[in-house]
């Protein structure tokens, strides 16, 4: 009975880790390998917690700037039709 409790807790932790890992930006092969590892009761979550390194976030100076419609003259008055030119 004790082993079932430990295995159930371990698999619950594994499912939580798998959910978050697959939503993340790690490479597909890395996710696949860690999925197999996490299916091992007790040792899988321990290995994941100690060894898995998620990809780091880019620092603000390396990210592309956010596109601001108001800075580019589109603001609230954006019209999908180009302005008419009267000659």
N, C-alpha and C. Protein backbone atom coordinates (compact mmCIF):
# COMPACT_ATOMS: atom_id res chain seq x y z
N UNK A 1 0.82 -1.20 0.00
CA UNK A 1 0.00 0.00 0.00
C UNK A 1 0.86 1.26 0.00
N UNK A 2 1.92 1.24 0.79
CA UNK A 2 2.81 2.41 0.88
C UNK A 2 3.43 2.74 -0.48
N UNK A 3 3.81 1.68 -1.24
CA UNK A 3 4.41 1.91 -2.56
C UNK A 3 3.43 2.56 -3.52
N UNK A 4 2.16 2.21 -3.43
CA UNK A 4 1.15 2.83 -4.29
C UNK A 4 0.99 4.31 -3.95
N UNK A 5 1.06 4.65 -2.70
CA UNK A 5 0.95 6.05 -2.30
C UNK A 5 2.14 6.84 -2.83
N UNK A 6 3.34 6.29 -2.66
CA UNK A 6 4.55 6.96 -3.14
C UNK A 6 4.51 7.10 -4.67
N UNK A 7 4.11 6.02 -5.35
CA UNK A 7 4.03 6.06 -6.82
C UNK A 7 2.98 7.07 -7.28
N UNK A 8 1.85 7.13 -6.61
CA UNK A 8 0.80 8.08 -6.98
C UNK A 8 1.26 9.52 -6.81
N UNK A 9 1.92 9.80 -5.72
CA UNK A 9 2.45 11.15 -5.49
C UNK A 9 3.51 11.47 -6.54
N UNK A 10 4.37 10.52 -6.82
CA UNK A 10 5.43 10.70 -7.81
C UNK A 10 4.85 10.98 -9.19
N UNK A 11 3.85 10.20 -9.60
CA UNK A 11 3.24 10.41 -10.91
C UNK A 11 2.47 11.72 -10.98
N UNK A 12 1.90 12.14 -9.88
CA UNK A 12 1.22 13.45 -9.85
C UNK A 12 2.23 14.57 -10.08
N UNK A 13 3.37 14.46 -9.42
CA UNK A 13 4.43 15.45 -9.61
C UNK A 13 4.93 15.39 -11.05
N UNK A 14 5.09 14.17 -11.58
CA UNK A 14 5.54 14.00 -12.96
C UNK A 14 4.57 14.65 -13.95
N UNK A 15 3.27 14.45 -13.74
CA UNK A 15 2.28 15.06 -14.63
C UNK A 15 2.34 16.58 -14.59
N UNK A 16 2.51 17.12 -13.41
CA UNK A 16 2.65 18.57 -13.27
C UNK A 16 3.88 19.07 -14.02
N UNK A 17 5.00 18.37 -13.85
CA UNK A 17 6.25 18.74 -14.53
C UNK A 17 6.10 18.62 -16.05
N UNK A 18 5.48 17.53 -16.49
CA UNK A 18 5.27 17.33 -17.93
C UNK A 18 4.40 18.43 -18.53
N UNK A 19 3.35 18.78 -17.85
CA UNK A 19 2.45 19.83 -18.32
C UNK A 19 3.20 21.14 -18.51
N UNK A 20 3.96 21.53 -17.50
CA UNK A 20 4.70 22.79 -17.59
C UNK A 20 5.83 22.72 -18.61
N UNK A 21 6.49 21.59 -18.71
CA UNK A 21 7.59 21.45 -19.66
C UNK A 21 7.09 21.53 -21.09
N UNK A 22 6.00 20.85 -21.40
CA UNK A 22 5.48 20.85 -22.77
C UNK A 22 4.89 22.20 -23.16
N UNK A 23 4.51 23.01 -22.20
CA UNK A 23 4.03 24.36 -22.49
C UNK A 23 5.19 25.32 -22.69
N UNK A 24 6.39 24.93 -22.25
CA UNK A 24 7.56 25.79 -22.32
C UNK A 24 8.20 25.80 -23.70
N UNK A 25 9.35 26.42 -23.77
CA UNK A 25 10.03 26.63 -25.05
C UNK A 25 11.24 25.72 -25.24
N UNK A 26 11.35 24.66 -24.48
CA UNK A 26 12.48 23.74 -24.64
C UNK A 26 12.37 23.03 -25.99
N UNK A 27 13.49 22.54 -26.49
CA UNK A 27 13.52 21.83 -27.77
C UNK A 27 12.69 20.54 -27.68
N UNK A 28 12.13 20.15 -28.81
CA UNK A 28 11.26 18.98 -28.85
C UNK A 28 11.97 17.72 -28.37
N UNK A 29 13.20 17.49 -28.82
CA UNK A 29 13.93 16.29 -28.42
C UNK A 29 14.19 16.27 -26.92
N UNK A 30 14.51 17.43 -26.37
CA UNK A 30 14.72 17.53 -24.92
C UNK A 30 13.44 17.19 -24.17
N UNK A 31 12.31 17.68 -24.67
CA UNK A 31 11.03 17.36 -24.04
C UNK A 31 10.72 15.87 -24.11
N UNK A 32 11.05 15.27 -25.24
CA UNK A 32 10.79 13.85 -25.42
C UNK A 32 11.62 13.01 -24.45
N UNK A 33 12.90 13.33 -24.32
CA UNK A 33 13.77 12.59 -23.41
C UNK A 33 13.29 12.75 -21.97
N UNK A 34 12.96 13.97 -21.58
CA UNK A 34 12.50 14.20 -20.20
C UNK A 34 11.15 13.56 -19.93
N UNK A 35 10.33 13.41 -20.96
CA UNK A 35 9.05 12.71 -20.79
C UNK A 35 9.30 11.26 -20.38
N UNK A 36 10.23 10.60 -21.08
CA UNK A 36 10.56 9.21 -20.75
C UNK A 36 11.12 9.13 -19.33
N UNK A 37 12.00 10.06 -18.98
CA UNK A 37 12.60 10.05 -17.63
C UNK A 37 11.53 10.26 -16.56
N UNK A 38 10.62 11.20 -16.81
CA UNK A 38 9.59 11.50 -15.82
C UNK A 38 8.60 10.37 -15.60
N UNK A 39 8.54 9.43 -16.52
CA UNK A 39 7.63 8.29 -16.33
C UNK A 39 8.17 7.27 -15.33
N UNK A 40 9.43 7.41 -14.94
CA UNK A 40 10.01 6.53 -13.92
C UNK A 40 9.59 7.05 -12.54
N UNK A 41 8.87 6.23 -11.77
CA UNK A 41 8.41 6.69 -10.46
C UNK A 41 9.58 7.08 -9.56
N UNK A 42 9.40 8.10 -8.79
CA UNK A 42 10.32 8.64 -7.80
C UNK A 42 11.59 9.20 -8.43
N UNK A 43 12.36 8.37 -9.15
CA UNK A 43 13.62 8.85 -9.72
C UNK A 43 13.40 9.88 -10.83
N UNK A 44 12.34 9.74 -11.60
CA UNK A 44 12.06 10.69 -12.68
C UNK A 44 11.89 12.12 -12.17
N UNK A 45 10.95 12.35 -11.24
CA UNK A 45 10.79 13.71 -10.72
C UNK A 45 12.04 14.23 -10.00
N UNK A 46 12.77 13.34 -9.31
CA UNK A 46 13.99 13.78 -8.65
C UNK A 46 15.04 14.22 -9.68
N UNK A 47 15.20 13.44 -10.75
CA UNK A 47 16.16 13.79 -11.79
C UNK A 47 15.75 15.09 -12.47
N UNK A 48 14.46 15.21 -12.76
CA UNK A 48 13.95 16.42 -13.42
C UNK A 48 14.21 17.65 -12.55
N UNK A 49 13.90 17.55 -11.29
CA UNK A 49 14.09 18.67 -10.38
C UNK A 49 15.54 19.07 -10.23
N UNK A 50 16.44 18.09 -10.30
CA UNK A 50 17.85 18.38 -10.10
C UNK A 50 18.62 18.69 -11.36
N UNK A 51 18.15 18.22 -12.52
CA UNK A 51 18.95 18.34 -13.74
C UNK A 51 18.33 19.15 -14.87
N UNK A 52 17.01 19.23 -14.93
CA UNK A 52 16.38 19.93 -16.05
C UNK A 52 16.65 21.42 -15.97
N UNK A 53 17.12 21.97 -17.07
CA UNK A 53 17.39 23.41 -17.13
C UNK A 53 16.50 23.99 -18.24
N UNK A 54 15.46 24.74 -17.85
CA UNK A 54 14.59 25.32 -18.87
C UNK A 54 15.32 26.42 -19.63
N UNK A 55 14.89 26.72 -20.86
CA UNK A 55 15.52 27.81 -21.60
C UNK A 55 15.34 29.13 -20.85
N UNK A 56 16.34 29.97 -20.92
CA UNK A 56 16.28 31.25 -20.21
C UNK A 56 15.49 32.27 -21.02
N UNK A 57 14.92 33.21 -20.32
CA UNK A 57 14.23 34.32 -20.96
C UNK A 57 15.27 35.27 -21.53
N UNK A 58 14.97 35.86 -22.66
CA UNK A 58 15.87 36.88 -23.20
C UNK A 58 15.80 38.13 -22.34
N UNK A 59 16.93 38.78 -22.19
CA UNK A 59 16.91 40.03 -21.45
C UNK A 59 16.20 41.08 -22.30
N UNK A 60 15.72 42.13 -21.67
CA UNK A 60 14.91 43.15 -22.36
C UNK A 60 15.66 43.78 -23.53
N UNK A 61 16.97 43.93 -23.42
CA UNK A 61 17.71 44.57 -24.51
C UNK A 61 17.89 43.66 -25.72
N UNK A 62 17.61 42.37 -25.59
CA UNK A 62 17.71 41.46 -26.73
C UNK A 62 16.36 41.16 -27.37
N UNK A 63 15.28 41.54 -26.72
CA UNK A 63 13.95 41.30 -27.27
C UNK A 63 13.61 42.35 -28.32
N UNK A 64 12.78 41.95 -29.26
CA UNK A 64 12.29 42.90 -30.25
C UNK A 64 11.36 43.88 -29.57
N UNK A 65 11.39 45.14 -29.99
CA UNK A 65 10.49 46.11 -29.35
C UNK A 65 9.03 45.78 -29.66
N UNK A 66 8.18 46.10 -28.71
CA UNK A 66 6.75 45.89 -28.91
C UNK A 66 6.26 46.87 -29.98
N UNK A 67 5.36 46.42 -30.81
CA UNK A 67 4.81 47.29 -31.86
C UNK A 67 3.71 48.13 -31.26
N UNK A 68 3.89 49.41 -31.28
CA UNK A 68 2.93 50.34 -30.70
C UNK A 68 2.21 51.06 -31.83
N UNK A 69 0.92 50.78 -31.99
CA UNK A 69 0.18 51.38 -33.10
C UNK A 69 0.10 52.90 -32.98
N UNK A 70 0.05 53.41 -31.76
CA UNK A 70 -0.07 54.86 -31.62
C UNK A 70 1.20 55.56 -32.05
N UNK A 71 2.35 54.93 -31.90
CA UNK A 71 3.61 55.54 -32.32
C UNK A 71 3.72 55.58 -33.83
N UNK A 72 3.00 54.71 -34.52
CA UNK A 72 3.11 54.61 -35.96
C UNK A 72 1.91 55.26 -36.66
N UNK A 73 1.21 56.11 -35.97
CA UNK A 73 0.13 56.87 -36.57
C UNK A 73 -1.13 56.07 -36.83
N UNK A 74 -1.30 54.94 -36.21
CA UNK A 74 -2.48 54.13 -36.46
C UNK A 74 -3.53 54.34 -35.38
N UNK A 75 -3.12 54.58 -34.17
CA UNK A 75 -3.98 54.90 -33.05
C UNK A 75 -5.41 54.43 -33.14
N UNK A 76 -6.32 55.18 -32.56
CA UNK A 76 -7.73 54.82 -32.56
C UNK A 76 -8.41 55.14 -33.89
N UNK A 77 -7.82 55.99 -34.66
CA UNK A 77 -8.44 56.43 -35.92
C UNK A 77 -7.96 55.59 -37.10
N UNK A 78 -7.49 54.40 -36.85
CA UNK A 78 -6.98 53.57 -37.93
C UNK A 78 -8.10 53.21 -38.89
N UNK A 79 -7.84 53.43 -40.15
CA UNK A 79 -8.80 53.12 -41.20
C UNK A 79 -8.10 52.19 -42.18
N UNK A 80 -8.71 51.09 -42.53
CA UNK A 80 -8.06 50.13 -43.41
C UNK A 80 -7.93 50.64 -44.84
N UNK A 81 -8.62 51.73 -45.17
CA UNK A 81 -8.54 52.29 -46.52
C UNK A 81 -7.45 53.35 -46.56
N UNK A 82 -6.64 53.33 -47.60
CA UNK A 82 -5.58 54.36 -47.71
C UNK A 82 -6.23 55.72 -47.92
N UNK A 83 -5.53 56.79 -47.55
CA UNK A 83 -6.09 58.13 -47.74
C UNK A 83 -6.26 58.44 -49.22
N UNK A 84 -7.31 59.17 -49.53
CA UNK A 84 -7.55 59.54 -50.92
C UNK A 84 -6.74 60.78 -51.26
N UNK A 85 -6.15 60.81 -52.43
CA UNK A 85 -5.40 61.97 -52.89
C UNK A 85 -6.22 62.70 -53.94
N UNK A 86 -6.49 63.94 -53.70
CA UNK A 86 -7.26 64.75 -54.65
C UNK A 86 -6.27 65.61 -55.41
N UNK A 87 -6.35 65.57 -56.74
CA UNK A 87 -5.45 66.39 -57.56
C UNK A 87 -6.15 67.58 -58.08
